[in-house]
């Protein structure tokens, strides 16, 4: 059996924690400048890093049956959770009409649609010399912002805007990540993190929507020729922050390392907790800056809980369309009951 790479599992676990933490922070960014600066700093790299790692692990896209495999892994769970979240939002927000639109992804579900598209786009872009392909991908990401009808529908905007990061990840090798493990580069990375956070804190008017990649330039009030240069700056910032993040990812095995393989479970399920949290009176308790540690702690509990064997076993039929983990869990419970009865 091929040994899993602790480094990438650690990276995925930390990133999914930041996804949950960032979504919880969202409830306070309009009233707390520290939270807002931290929120924007996190959004410069957490999803870009996730996308880059996804591209890195997409190297088998040209294998026989790969498209069918990723369709089962991404599109079927997307459809299932699009329906589930439609029902959930209908009751949570007491909407007057119940509606399901399979082409307008709910909240974080955009990632599944875009991931499927990115894998398909590799078929074309890998036939081109890497340097030219990456340049073309960035050019498309810059120009697509001028097309007003490309937005969240079918996750088209994010698909084109973030594809360059996916393609960069595809062409990266392990050595590129390992080259970041020097004291000098880590000190530089720490300085970059602090500088970006301080920059966002000192200039709070910076629109965070630029970091989401979900809207055309016109929707952000910047349809001029300079808009693409602003997005180019966001690309540069994201790449620097992504590499700064990877410089700090630990390489050894920790208590959370094996949970790094369950990030899809956390990603699909944490929305129920986050949305209820935002609507509850409980959220008002975390609005003070010094309570950010408690908010981070709650994020960690959510991640640990949703990536645990118990939760993944019972939700595997929805997410992976398999029951292997549930059968193992029930088998262990059955053995345990028989042993107790035999005493």
C-alpha atoms as a PDB file:
ATOM      1  CA  UNK A   1       0.000   0.000   0.000  1.00  0.00           C
ATOM      2  CA  UNK A   2       1.302   3.412  -0.952  1.00  0.00           C
ATOM      3  CA  UNK A   3       2.108   5.526   2.094  1.00  0.00           C
ATOM      4  CA  UNK A   4       0.168   8.774   2.315  1.00  0.00           C
ATOM      5  CA  UNK A   5       2.167  11.958   2.377  1.00  0.00           C
ATOM      6  CA  UNK A   6       1.829  13.550   5.810  1.00  0.00           C
ATOM      7  CA  UNK A   7       2.754  16.972   4.451  1.00  0.00           C
ATOM      8  CA  UNK A   8      -0.200  17.236   2.087  1.00  0.00           C
ATOM      9  CA  UNK A   9      -2.647  15.711   4.570  1.00  0.00           C
ATOM     10  CA  UNK A  10      -1.500  18.277   7.137  1.00  0.00           C
ATOM     11  CA  UNK A  11      -1.912  21.054   4.585  1.00  0.00           C
ATOM     12  CA  UNK A  12      -5.446  19.971   3.713  1.00  0.00           C
ATOM     13  CA  UNK A  13      -6.478  19.729   7.356  1.00  0.00           C
ATOM     14  CA  UNK A  14      -5.141  23.211   8.145  1.00  0.00           C
ATOM     15  CA  UNK A  15      -6.805  24.633   5.050  1.00  0.00           C
ATOM     16  CA  UNK A  16     -10.210  23.130   5.826  1.00  0.00           C
ATOM     17  CA  UNK A  17      -9.894  24.567   9.332  1.00  0.00           C
ATOM     18  CA  UNK A  18      -9.273  27.983   7.773  1.00  0.00           C
ATOM     19  CA  UNK A  19     -12.298  27.519   5.495  1.00  0.00           C
ATOM     20  CA  UNK A  20     -14.553  26.909   8.491  1.00  0.00           C
ATOM     21  CA  UNK A  21     -12.881  29.661  10.528  1.00  0.00           C
ATOM     22  CA  UNK A  22     -13.208  32.120   7.646  1.00  0.00           C
ATOM     23  CA  UNK A  23     -16.896  31.315   7.212  1.00  0.00           C
ATOM     24  CA  UNK A  24     -17.516  31.873  10.920  1.00  0.00           C
ATOM     25  CA  UNK A  25     -15.556  35.133  10.819  1.00  0.00           C
ATOM     26  CA  UNK A  26     -17.798  36.355   8.008  1.00  0.00           C
ATOM     27  CA  UNK A  27     -20.552  37.143  10.506  1.00  0.00           C
ATOM     28  CA  UNK A  28     -18.410  39.824  12.197  1.00  0.00           C
ATOM     29  CA  UNK A  29     -16.420  41.530   9.443  1.00  0.00           C
ATOM     30  CA  UNK A  30     -18.736  44.499   9.141  1.00  0.00           C
ATOM     31  CA  UNK A  31     -18.400  45.451  12.811  1.00  0.00           C
ATOM     32  CA  UNK A  32     -14.864  44.441  13.750  1.00  0.00           C
ATOM     33  CA  UNK A  33     -11.802  45.782  11.884  1.00  0.00           C
ATOM     34  CA  UNK A  34      -9.432  43.121  13.235  1.00  0.00           C
ATOM     35  CA  UNK A  35     -11.765  40.315  12.170  1.00  0.00           C
ATOM     36  CA  UNK A  36     -12.216  41.964   8.762  1.00  0.00           C
ATOM     37  CA  UNK A  37      -8.457  42.241   8.183  1.00  0.00           C
ATOM     38  CA  UNK A  38      -7.905  38.645   9.276  1.00  0.00           C
ATOM     39  CA  UNK A  39     -10.791  37.478   7.092  1.00  0.00           C
ATOM     40  CA  UNK A  40      -9.298  39.100   3.997  1.00  0.00           C
ATOM     41  CA  UNK A  41      -5.804  37.814   4.805  1.00  0.00           C
ATOM     42  CA  UNK A  42      -7.149  34.257   5.067  1.00  0.00           C
ATOM     43  CA  UNK A  43      -9.073  34.607   1.809  1.00  0.00           C
ATOM     44  CA  UNK A  44      -5.927  35.582  -0.084  1.00  0.00           C
ATOM     45  CA  UNK A  45      -4.631  32.027   0.206  1.00  0.00           C
ATOM     46  CA  UNK A  46      -6.880  29.371   1.782  1.00  0.00           C
ATOM     47  CA  UNK A  47      -8.988  28.482  -1.277  1.00  0.00           C
ATOM     48  CA  UNK A  48      -6.164  29.262  -3.750  1.00  0.00           C
ATOM     49  CA  UNK A  49      -3.968  26.817  -1.799  1.00  0.00           C
ATOM     50  CA  UNK A  50      -6.741  24.203  -1.814  1.00  0.00           C
ATOM     51  CA  UNK A  51      -7.134  24.660  -5.559  1.00  0.00           C
ATOM     52  CA  UNK A  52      -3.390  24.419  -6.151  1.00  0.00           C
ATOM     53  CA  UNK A  53      -3.178  21.164  -4.160  1.00  0.00           C
ATOM     54  CA  UNK A  54      -6.147  19.807  -6.101  1.00  0.00           C
ATOM     55  CA  UNK A  55      -4.304  20.525  -9.334  1.00  0.00           C
ATOM     56  CA  UNK A  56      -1.188  18.849  -7.965  1.00  0.00           C
ATOM     57  CA  UNK A  57      -3.157  15.640  -7.353  1.00  0.00           C
ATOM     58  CA  UNK A  58      -4.931  15.737 -10.735  1.00  0.00           C
ATOM     59  CA  UNK A  59      -1.985  14.245 -12.615  1.00  0.00           C
ATOM     60  CA  UNK A  60      -3.911  11.075 -13.438  1.00  0.00           C
ATOM     61  CA  UNK A  61      -6.640  12.913 -15.346  1.00  0.00           C
ATOM     62  CA  UNK A  62      -5.761  11.194 -18.632  1.00  0.00           C
ATOM     63  CA  UNK A  63      -6.206   7.684 -17.222  1.00  0.00           C
ATOM     64  CA  UNK A  64      -9.020   5.546 -18.560  1.00  0.00           C
ATOM     65  CA  UNK A  65     -12.279   6.155 -16.738  1.00  0.00           C
ATOM     66  CA  UNK A  66     -10.984   9.268 -14.942  1.00  0.00           C
ATOM     67  CA  UNK A  67     -13.796  11.566 -16.126  1.00  0.00           C
ATOM     68  CA  UNK A  68     -16.444   9.114 -14.950  1.00  0.00           C
ATOM     69  CA  UNK A  69     -14.590   8.774 -11.649  1.00  0.00           C
ATOM     70  CA  UNK A  70     -14.484  12.502 -10.909  1.00  0.00           C
ATOM     71  CA  UNK A  71     -18.090  12.918 -12.081  1.00  0.00           C
ATOM     72  CA  UNK A  72     -19.127  10.395  -9.447  1.00  0.00           C
ATOM     73  CA  UNK A  73     -16.873  12.025  -6.870  1.00  0.00           C
ATOM     74  CA  UNK A  74     -17.899  15.632  -7.560  1.00  0.00           C
ATOM     75  CA  UNK A  75     -21.089  16.014  -9.598  1.00  0.00           C
ATOM     76  CA  UNK A  76     -23.272  13.425  -7.863  1.00  0.00           C
ATOM     77  CA  UNK A  77     -22.495  14.790  -4.360  1.00  0.00           C
ATOM     78  CA  UNK A  78     -23.072  18.278  -5.756  1.00  0.00           C
ATOM     79  CA  UNK A  79     -26.566  17.363  -6.952  1.00  0.00           C
ATOM     80  CA  UNK A  80     -27.375  15.614  -3.669  1.00  0.00           C
ATOM     81  CA  UNK A  81     -26.224  18.512  -1.513  1.00  0.00           C
ATOM     82  CA  UNK A  82     -27.759  21.114  -3.811  1.00  0.00           C
ATOM     83  CA  UNK A  83     -31.107  19.510  -2.993  1.00  0.00           C
ATOM     84  CA  UNK A  84     -30.317  19.115   0.718  1.00  0.00           C
ATOM     85  CA  UNK A  85     -29.181  22.721   1.099  1.00  0.00           C
ATOM     86  CA  UNK A  86     -32.233  23.942  -0.837  1.00  0.00           C
ATOM     87  CA  UNK A  87     -34.465  22.251   1.729  1.00  0.00           C
ATOM     88  CA  UNK A  88     -32.271  23.459   4.602  1.00  0.00           C
ATOM     89  CA  UNK A  89     -32.332  27.112   3.466  1.00  0.00           C
ATOM     90  CA  UNK A  90     -36.064  26.957   2.807  1.00  0.00           C
ATOM     91  CA  UNK A  91     -36.737  26.179   6.470  1.00  0.00           C
ATOM     92  CA  UNK A  92     -33.832  28.138   8.002  1.00  0.00           C
ATOM     93  CA  UNK A  93     -34.714  31.407   6.264  1.00  0.00           C
ATOM     94  CA  UNK A  94     -38.454  30.683   6.071  1.00  0.00           C
ATOM     95  CA  UNK A  95     -38.550  31.365   2.353  1.00  0.00           C
ATOM     96  CA  UNK A  96     -41.975  31.855   0.776  1.00  0.00           C
ATOM     97  CA  UNK A  97     -41.214  29.513  -2.138  1.00  0.00           C
ATOM     98  CA  UNK A  98     -39.243  26.308  -2.390  1.00  0.00           C
ATOM     99  CA  UNK A  99     -36.873  26.296  -5.364  1.00  0.00           C
ATOM    100  CA  UNK A 100     -34.057  24.077  -6.593  1.00  0.00           C
ATOM    101  CA  UNK A 101     -31.750  25.383  -9.314  1.00  0.00           C
ATOM    102  CA  UNK A 102     -29.068  22.829 -10.196  1.00  0.00           C
ATOM    103  CA  UNK A 103     -27.170  25.452 -12.202  1.00  0.00           C
ATOM    104  CA  UNK A 104     -26.813  28.018  -9.406  1.00  0.00           C
ATOM    105  CA  UNK A 105     -24.579  26.448  -6.728  1.00  0.00           C
ATOM    106  CA  UNK A 106     -25.508  27.070  -3.130  1.00  0.00           C
ATOM    107  CA  UNK A 107     -22.786  28.887  -1.216  1.00  0.00           C
ATOM    108  CA  UNK A 108     -19.650  26.692  -1.006  1.00  0.00           C
ATOM    109  CA  UNK A 109     -20.893  24.047  -3.471  1.00  0.00           C
ATOM    110  CA  UNK A 110     -19.341  26.052  -6.314  1.00  0.00           C
ATOM    111  CA  UNK A 111     -16.053  24.284  -5.590  1.00  0.00           C
ATOM    112  CA  UNK A 112     -17.384  20.896  -6.730  1.00  0.00           C
ATOM    113  CA  UNK A 113     -18.623  22.269 -10.045  1.00  0.00           C
ATOM    114  CA  UNK A 114     -15.421  24.197 -10.691  1.00  0.00           C
ATOM    115  CA  UNK A 115     -13.243  21.241  -9.699  1.00  0.00           C
ATOM    116  CA  UNK A 116     -14.988  19.057 -12.257  1.00  0.00           C
ATOM    117  CA  UNK A 117     -14.518  21.728 -14.941  1.00  0.00           C
ATOM    118  CA  UNK A 118     -10.847  22.240 -14.049  1.00  0.00           C
ATOM    119  CA  UNK A 119     -10.148  18.547 -14.552  1.00  0.00           C
ATOM    120  CA  UNK A 120     -11.831  18.652 -17.959  1.00  0.00           C
ATOM    121  CA  UNK A 121      -9.916  21.796 -18.913  1.00  0.00           C
ATOM    122  CA  UNK A 122      -6.656  19.936 -18.300  1.00  0.00           C
ATOM    123  CA  UNK A 123      -7.396  17.823 -21.351  1.00  0.00           C
ATOM    124  CA  UNK A 124      -6.864  20.905 -23.520  1.00  0.00           C
ATOM    125  CA  UNK A 125      -4.324  22.883 -21.509  1.00  0.00           C
ATOM    126  CA  UNK A 126      -1.899  19.981 -21.008  1.00  0.00           C
ATOM    127  CA  UNK A 127      -1.515  19.665 -24.758  1.00  0.00           C
ATOM    128  CA  UNK A 128       0.142  23.080 -24.738  1.00  0.00           C
ATOM    129  CA  UNK A 129       3.628  23.927 -23.500  1.00  0.00           C
ATOM    130  CA  UNK A 130       3.337  24.630 -19.731  1.00  0.00           C
ATOM    131  CA  UNK A 131       4.626  28.198 -19.830  1.00  0.00           C
ATOM    132  CA  UNK A 132       2.221  29.153 -22.614  1.00  0.00           C
ATOM    133  CA  UNK A 133      -0.694  27.247 -21.065  1.00  0.00           C
ATOM    134  CA  UNK A 134      -0.281  28.956 -17.677  1.00  0.00           C
ATOM    135  CA  UNK A 135       0.064  32.363 -19.336  1.00  0.00           C
ATOM    136  CA  UNK A 136      -3.093  31.728 -21.372  1.00  0.00           C
ATOM    137  CA  UNK A 137      -4.977  30.592 -18.263  1.00  0.00           C
ATOM    138  CA  UNK A 138      -4.051  33.789 -16.404  1.00  0.00           C
ATOM    139  CA  UNK A 139      -4.997  35.891 -19.442  1.00  0.00           C
ATOM    140  CA  UNK A 140      -8.428  34.260 -19.599  1.00  0.00           C
ATOM    141  CA  UNK A 141      -8.858  34.807 -15.851  1.00  0.00           C
ATOM    142  CA  UNK A 142      -8.093  38.497 -16.290  1.00  0.00           C
ATOM    143  CA  UNK A 143     -10.291  39.053 -19.340  1.00  0.00           C
ATOM    144  CA  UNK A 144     -13.290  37.025 -18.169  1.00  0.00           C
ATOM    145  CA  UNK A 145     -14.077  39.753 -15.654  1.00  0.00           C
ATOM    146  CA  UNK A 146     -15.276  41.980 -18.512  1.00  0.00           C
ATOM    147  CA  UNK A 147     -17.997  39.494 -19.476  1.00  0.00           C
ATOM    148  CA  UNK A 148     -20.942  40.709 -17.410  1.00  0.00           C
ATOM    149  CA  UNK A 149     -23.105  37.570 -17.624  1.00  0.00           C
ATOM    150  CA  UNK A 150     -20.383  35.281 -16.264  1.00  0.00           C
ATOM    151  CA  UNK A 151     -20.878  35.163 -12.507  1.00  0.00           C
ATOM    152  CA  UNK A 152     -21.996  32.515 -10.007  1.00  0.00           C
ATOM    153  CA  UNK A 153     -24.191  30.716 -12.520  1.00  0.00           C
ATOM    154  CA  UNK A 154     -22.649  27.279 -13.067  1.00  0.00           C
ATOM    155  CA  UNK A 155     -19.730  28.712 -11.061  1.00  0.00           C
ATOM    156  CA  UNK A 156     -18.350  30.007 -14.358  1.00  0.00           C
ATOM    157  CA  UNK A 157     -16.578  33.056 -12.957  1.00  0.00           C
ATOM    158  CA  UNK A 158     -14.688  31.155 -10.261  1.00  0.00           C
ATOM    159  CA  UNK A 159     -13.924  28.353 -12.709  1.00  0.00           C
ATOM    160  CA  UNK A 160     -12.073  30.689 -15.069  1.00  0.00           C
ATOM    161  CA  UNK A 161     -10.602  32.978 -12.396  1.00  0.00           C
ATOM    162  CA  UNK A 162      -9.107  30.187 -10.273  1.00  0.00           C
ATOM    163  CA  UNK A 163      -8.139  27.762 -13.033  1.00  0.00           C
ATOM    164  CA  UNK A 164      -4.603  29.243 -13.357  1.00  0.00           C
ATOM    165  CA  UNK A 165      -3.886  28.179  -9.756  1.00  0.00           C
ATOM    166  CA  UNK A 166      -5.162  24.677 -10.498  1.00  0.00           C
ATOM    167  CA  UNK A 167      -2.943  24.515 -13.587  1.00  0.00           C
ATOM    168  CA  UNK A 168       0.093  25.797 -11.662  1.00  0.00           C
ATOM    169  CA  UNK A 169      -0.509  23.064  -9.085  1.00  0.00           C
ATOM    170  CA  UNK A 170      -0.744  20.444 -11.810  1.00  0.00           C
ATOM    171  CA  UNK A 171       2.704  21.381 -13.126  1.00  0.00           C
ATOM    172  CA  UNK A 172       4.328  21.547  -9.680  1.00  0.00           C
ATOM    173  CA  UNK A 173       6.444  18.760  -8.219  1.00  0.00           C
ATOM    174  CA  UNK A 174       7.037  17.777  -4.609  1.00  0.00           C
ATOM    175  CA  UNK A 175      10.458  19.365  -4.806  1.00  0.00           C
ATOM    176  CA  UNK A 176       8.855  22.757  -5.372  1.00  0.00           C
ATOM    177  CA  UNK A 177       7.051  22.480  -2.049  1.00  0.00           C
ATOM    178  CA  UNK A 178      10.042  21.029  -0.209  1.00  0.00           C
ATOM    179  CA  UNK A 179      12.273  23.859  -1.414  1.00  0.00           C
ATOM    180  CA  UNK A 180      10.285  26.172   0.863  1.00  0.00           C
ATOM    181  CA  UNK A 181      11.513  24.446   4.032  1.00  0.00           C
ATOM    182  CA  UNK A 182      14.367  26.795   4.886  1.00  0.00           C
ATOM    183  CA  UNK A 183      14.661  29.123   7.860  1.00  0.00           C
ATOM    184  CA  UNK A 184      15.204  32.107   5.605  1.00  0.00           C
ATOM    185  CA  UNK A 185      12.077  31.431   3.534  1.00  0.00           C
ATOM    186  CA  UNK A 186       9.966  30.810   6.625  1.00  0.00           C
ATOM    187  CA  UNK A 187      11.064  34.083   8.190  1.00  0.00           C
ATOM    188  CA  UNK A 188      10.227  35.805   4.914  1.00  0.00           C
ATOM    189  CA  UNK A 189       6.852  34.038   4.822  1.00  0.00           C
ATOM    190  CA  UNK A 190       6.049  35.151   8.369  1.00  0.00           C
ATOM    191  CA  UNK A 191       6.913  38.728   7.440  1.00  0.00           C
ATOM    192  CA  UNK A 192       4.617  38.488   4.415  1.00  0.00           C
ATOM    193  CA  UNK A 193       1.710  37.221   6.517  1.00  0.00           C
ATOM    194  CA  UNK A 194       2.121  40.061   9.012  1.00  0.00           C
ATOM    195  CA  UNK A 195       2.522  42.684   6.284  1.00  0.00           C
ATOM    196  CA  UNK A 196      -0.630  41.544   4.478  1.00  0.00           C
ATOM    197  CA  UNK A 197      -2.675  41.501   7.679  1.00  0.00           C
ATOM    198  CA  UNK A 198      -1.428  44.950   8.700  1.00  0.00           C
ATOM    199  CA  UNK A 199      -2.054  46.239   5.182  1.00  0.00           C
ATOM    200  CA  UNK A 200      -5.666  45.094   5.237  1.00  0.00           C
ATOM    201  CA  UNK A 201      -6.104  46.538   8.732  1.00  0.00           C
ATOM    202  CA  UNK A 202      -4.706  49.941   7.746  1.00  0.00           C
ATOM    203  CA  UNK A 203      -6.687  50.022   4.494  1.00  0.00           C
ATOM    204  CA  UNK A 204     -10.079  48.530   5.453  1.00  0.00           C
ATOM    205  CA  UNK A 205     -11.818  49.835   2.326  1.00  0.00           C
ATOM    206  CA  UNK A 206     -10.221  47.114   0.201  1.00  0.00           C
ATOM    207  CA  UNK A 207     -13.125  45.144  -1.305  1.00  0.00           C
ATOM    208  CA  UNK A 208     -12.960  41.509  -0.212  1.00  0.00           C
ATOM    209  CA  UNK A 209     -15.123  40.525  -3.218  1.00  0.00           C
ATOM    210  CA  UNK A 210     -11.971  40.716  -5.347  1.00  0.00           C
ATOM    211  CA  UNK A 211     -10.666  37.709  -3.422  1.00  0.00           C
ATOM    212  CA  UNK A 212     -13.745  35.584  -4.147  1.00  0.00           C
ATOM    213  CA  UNK A 213     -13.500  35.572  -7.946  1.00  0.00           C
ATOM    214  CA  UNK A 214     -17.276  35.208  -8.235  1.00  0.00           C
ATOM    215  CA  UNK A 215     -18.292  38.495  -9.842  1.00  0.00           C
ATOM    216  CA  UNK A 216     -17.523  40.383 -13.059  1.00  0.00           C
ATOM    217  CA  UNK A 217     -15.665  43.689 -12.775  1.00  0.00           C
ATOM    218  CA  UNK A 218     -18.808  45.715 -13.408  1.00  0.00           C
ATOM    219  CA  UNK A 219     -20.531  44.201 -10.364  1.00  0.00           C
ATOM    220  CA  UNK A 220     -17.629  45.412  -8.235  1.00  0.00           C
ATOM    221  CA  UNK A 221     -17.790  48.894  -9.670  1.00  0.00           C
ATOM    222  CA  UNK A 222     -14.553  48.611 -11.633  1.00  0.00           C
ATOM    223  CA  UNK A 223     -15.271  47.947 -15.290  1.00  0.00           C
ATOM    224  CA  UNK A 224     -12.367  50.035 -16.604  1.00  0.00           C
ATOM    225  CA  UNK A 225      -9.229  48.714 -18.252  1.00  0.00           C
ATOM    226  CA  UNK A 226      -7.460  48.968 -14.879  1.00  0.00           C
ATOM    227  CA  UNK A 227      -9.694  46.299 -13.384  1.00  0.00           C
ATOM    228  CA  UNK A 228      -7.674  43.456 -14.848  1.00  0.00           C
ATOM    229  CA  UNK A 229      -4.499  44.913 -13.389  1.00  0.00           C
ATOM    230  CA  UNK A 230      -6.135  44.870  -9.978  1.00  0.00           C
ATOM    231  CA  UNK A 231      -7.005  41.207 -10.470  1.00  0.00           C
ATOM    232  CA  UNK A 232      -3.447  40.621 -11.646  1.00  0.00           C
ATOM    233  CA  UNK A 233      -2.287  42.096  -8.343  1.00  0.00           C
ATOM    234  CA  UNK A 234      -4.662  39.738  -6.504  1.00  0.00           C
ATOM    235  CA  UNK A 235      -3.165  36.810  -8.425  1.00  0.00           C
ATOM    236  CA  UNK A 236       0.348  37.853  -7.400  1.00  0.00           C
ATOM    237  CA  UNK A 237      -0.685  38.355  -3.781  1.00  0.00           C
ATOM    238  CA  UNK A 238      -2.443  34.981  -3.669  1.00  0.00           C
ATOM    239  CA  UNK A 239       0.530  33.103  -5.120  1.00  0.00           C
ATOM    240  CA  UNK A 240       2.912  34.724  -2.630  1.00  0.00           C
ATOM    241  CA  UNK A 241       0.561  33.972   0.273  1.00  0.00           C
ATOM    242  CA  UNK A 242       0.003  30.396  -0.918  1.00  0.00           C
ATOM    243  CA  UNK A 243       3.738  29.698  -1.015  1.00  0.00           C
ATOM    244  CA  UNK A 244       4.154  31.400   2.356  1.00  0.00           C
ATOM    245  CA  UNK A 245       1.509  29.055   3.754  1.00  0.00           C
ATOM    246  CA  UNK A 246       3.162  25.941   2.324  1.00  0.00           C
ATOM    247  CA  UNK A 247       6.453  27.005   3.901  1.00  0.00           C
ATOM    248  CA  UNK A 248       4.892  26.518   7.345  1.00  0.00           C
ATOM    249  CA  UNK A 249       3.010  23.249   6.806  1.00  0.00           C
ATOM    250  CA  UNK A 250       4.521  20.556   9.074  1.00  0.00           C
ATOM    251  CA  UNK A 251       5.855  17.363   7.531  1.00  0.00           C
ATOM    252  CA  UNK A 252       5.495  14.984  10.486  1.00  0.00           C
ATOM    253  CA  UNK A 253       2.444  12.980  11.524  1.00  0.00           C
ATOM    254  CA  UNK A 254       0.183  14.549  14.152  1.00  0.00           C
ATOM    255  CA  UNK A 255      -3.159  13.705  15.740  1.00  0.00           C
ATOM    256  CA  UNK A 256      -4.964  15.495  12.911  1.00  0.00           C
ATOM    257  CA  UNK A 257      -2.897  14.215   9.971  1.00  0.00           C
ATOM    258  CA  UNK A 258      -5.107  11.258   9.002  1.00  0.00           C
ATOM    259  CA  UNK A 259      -8.143  13.546   9.092  1.00  0.00           C
ATOM    260  CA  UNK A 260      -6.681  15.496   6.186  1.00  0.00           C
ATOM    261  CA  UNK A 261      -8.134  12.913   3.814  1.00  0.00           C
ATOM    262  CA  UNK A 262     -11.670  13.765   4.966  1.00  0.00           C
ATOM    263  CA  UNK A 263     -11.742  17.432   3.948  1.00  0.00           C
ATOM    264  CA  UNK A 264     -14.594  16.893   1.471  1.00  0.00           C
ATOM    265  CA  UNK A 265     -16.818  15.750   4.343  1.00  0.00           C
ATOM    266  CA  UNK A 266     -16.048  18.882   6.345  1.00  0.00           C
ATOM    267  CA  UNK A 267     -16.469  21.096   3.302  1.00  0.00           C
ATOM    268  CA  UNK A 268     -19.907  19.750   2.443  1.00  0.00           C
ATOM    269  CA  UNK A 269     -21.266  19.470   5.989  1.00  0.00           C
ATOM    270  CA  UNK A 270     -19.938  22.509   7.831  1.00  0.00           C
ATOM    271  CA  UNK A 271     -22.386  24.844   6.103  1.00  0.00           C
ATOM    272  CA  UNK A 272     -25.234  23.557   8.275  1.00  0.00           C
ATOM    273  CA  UNK A 273     -23.390  24.620  11.421  1.00  0.00           C
ATOM    274  CA  UNK A 274     -22.143  27.931  10.031  1.00  0.00           C
ATOM    275  CA  UNK A 275     -25.523  29.035   8.701  1.00  0.00           C
ATOM    276  CA  UNK A 276     -27.319  28.157  11.950  1.00  0.00           C
ATOM    277  CA  UNK A 277     -24.581  29.917  13.921  1.00  0.00           C
ATOM    278  CA  UNK A 278     -24.981  33.100  11.881  1.00  0.00           C
ATOM    279  CA  UNK A 279     -28.738  33.130  12.480  1.00  0.00           C
ATOM    280  CA  UNK A 280     -28.503  32.407  16.207  1.00  0.00           C
ATOM    281  CA  UNK A 281     -28.210  34.786  19.161  1.00  0.00           C
ATOM    282  CA  UNK A 282     -25.167  32.762  20.195  1.00  0.00           C
ATOM    283  CA  UNK A 283     -23.109  34.513  17.505  1.00  0.00           C
ATOM    284  CA  UNK A 284     -23.264  37.845  19.354  1.00  0.00           C
ATOM    285  CA  UNK A 285     -21.064  36.378  22.103  1.00  0.00           C
ATOM    286  CA  UNK A 286     -18.067  36.238  19.736  1.00  0.00           C
ATOM    287  CA  UNK A 287     -18.156  39.813  18.470  1.00  0.00           C
ATOM    288  CA  UNK A 288     -15.344  41.037  20.735  1.00  0.00           C
ATOM    289  CA  UNK A 289     -11.810  40.797  19.342  1.00  0.00           C
ATOM    290  CA  UNK A 290     -10.332  38.928  22.305  1.00  0.00           C
ATOM    291  CA  UNK A 291     -12.837  36.110  21.771  1.00  0.00           C
ATOM    292  CA  UNK A 292     -11.333  35.208  18.429  1.00  0.00           C
ATOM    293  CA  UNK A 293      -9.546  32.324  20.159  1.00  0.00           C
ATOM    294  CA  UNK A 294     -12.927  30.874  21.126  1.00  0.00           C
ATOM    295  CA  UNK A 295     -14.125  31.246  17.550  1.00  0.00           C
ATOM    296  CA  UNK A 296     -11.019  29.428  16.332  1.00  0.00           C
ATOM    297  CA  UNK A 297     -11.625  26.733  18.945  1.00  0.00           C
ATOM    298  CA  UNK A 298     -15.178  26.260  17.761  1.00  0.00           C
ATOM    299  CA  UNK A 299     -13.912  25.974  14.184  1.00  0.00           C
ATOM    300  CA  UNK A 300     -11.471  23.272  15.242  1.00  0.00           C
ATOM    301  CA  UNK A 301     -14.200  21.333  17.060  1.00  0.00           C
ATOM    302  CA  UNK A 302     -16.404  21.452  13.965  1.00  0.00           C
ATOM    303  CA  UNK A 303     -13.565  20.214  11.762  1.00  0.00           C
ATOM    304  CA  UNK A 304     -12.555  17.420  14.148  1.00  0.00           C
ATOM    305  CA  UNK A 305     -16.165  16.343  14.570  1.00  0.00           C
ATOM    306  CA  UNK A 306     -17.096  16.314  10.886  1.00  0.00           C
ATOM    307  CA  UNK A 307     -13.914  14.502   9.863  1.00  0.00           C
ATOM    308  CA  UNK A 308     -14.250  11.849  12.596  1.00  0.00           C
ATOM    309  CA  UNK A 309     -14.892   8.195  11.786  1.00  0.00           C
ATOM    310  CA  UNK A 310     -18.377   8.345  13.288  1.00  0.00           C
ATOM    311  CA  UNK A 311     -19.586  11.187  11.061  1.00  0.00           C
ATOM    312  CA  UNK A 312     -17.799  10.038   7.915  1.00  0.00           C
ATOM    313  CA  UNK A 313     -19.186   6.532   8.362  1.00  0.00           C
ATOM    314  CA  UNK A 314     -22.800   7.693   8.443  1.00  0.00           C
ATOM    315  CA  UNK A 315     -22.449  10.356   5.739  1.00  0.00           C
ATOM    316  CA  UNK A 316     -20.317   8.341   3.314  1.00  0.00           C
ATOM    317  CA  UNK A 317     -23.388   7.131   1.368  1.00  0.00           C
ATOM    318  CA  UNK A 318     -24.274  10.759   0.599  1.00  0.00           C
ATOM    319  CA  UNK A 319     -20.760  11.987  -0.156  1.00  0.00           C
ATOM    320  CA  UNK A 320     -18.959   8.994  -1.668  1.00  0.00           C
ATOM    321  CA  UNK A 321     -22.030   6.918  -2.581  1.00  0.00           C
ATOM    322  CA  UNK A 322     -20.456   4.002  -0.732  1.00  0.00           C
ATOM    323  CA  UNK A 323     -21.121   2.245   2.582  1.00  0.00           C
ATOM    324  CA  UNK A 324     -17.729   0.675   3.320  1.00  0.00           C
ATOM    325  CA  UNK A 325     -17.014   2.822   6.385  1.00  0.00           C
ATOM    326  CA  UNK A 326     -20.475   2.252   7.814  1.00  0.00           C
ATOM    327  CA  UNK A 327     -20.104  -1.513   7.396  1.00  0.00           C
ATOM    328  CA  UNK A 328     -16.755  -1.421   9.218  1.00  0.00           C
ATOM    329  CA  UNK A 329     -18.235   0.663  12.023  1.00  0.00           C
ATOM    330  CA  UNK A 330     -21.254  -1.591  12.410  1.00  0.00           C
ATOM    331  CA  UNK A 331     -18.947  -4.613  12.275  1.00  0.00           C
ATOM    332  CA  UNK A 332     -16.827  -3.271  15.133  1.00  0.00           C
ATOM    333  CA  UNK A 333     -19.945  -2.451  17.138  1.00  0.00           C
ATOM    334  CA  UNK A 334     -21.259  -5.950  16.551  1.00  0.00           C
ATOM    335  CA  UNK A 335     -18.004  -7.522  17.708  1.00  0.00           C
ATOM    336  CA  UNK A 336     -17.984  -5.277  20.772  1.00  0.00           C
ATOM    337  CA  UNK A 337     -21.540  -6.286  21.687  1.00  0.00           C
ATOM    338  CA  UNK A 338     -20.738  -9.984  21.332  1.00  0.00           C
ATOM    339  CA  UNK A 339     -17.676  -9.617  23.549  1.00  0.00           C
ATOM    340  CA  UNK A 340     -19.706  -7.827  26.209  1.00  0.00           C
ATOM    341  CA  UNK A 341     -22.414 -10.474  26.090  1.00  0.00           C
ATOM    342  CA  UNK A 342     -19.810 -13.200  26.459  1.00  0.00           C
ATOM    343  CA  UNK A 343     -18.503 -11.789  29.732  1.00  0.00           C
END
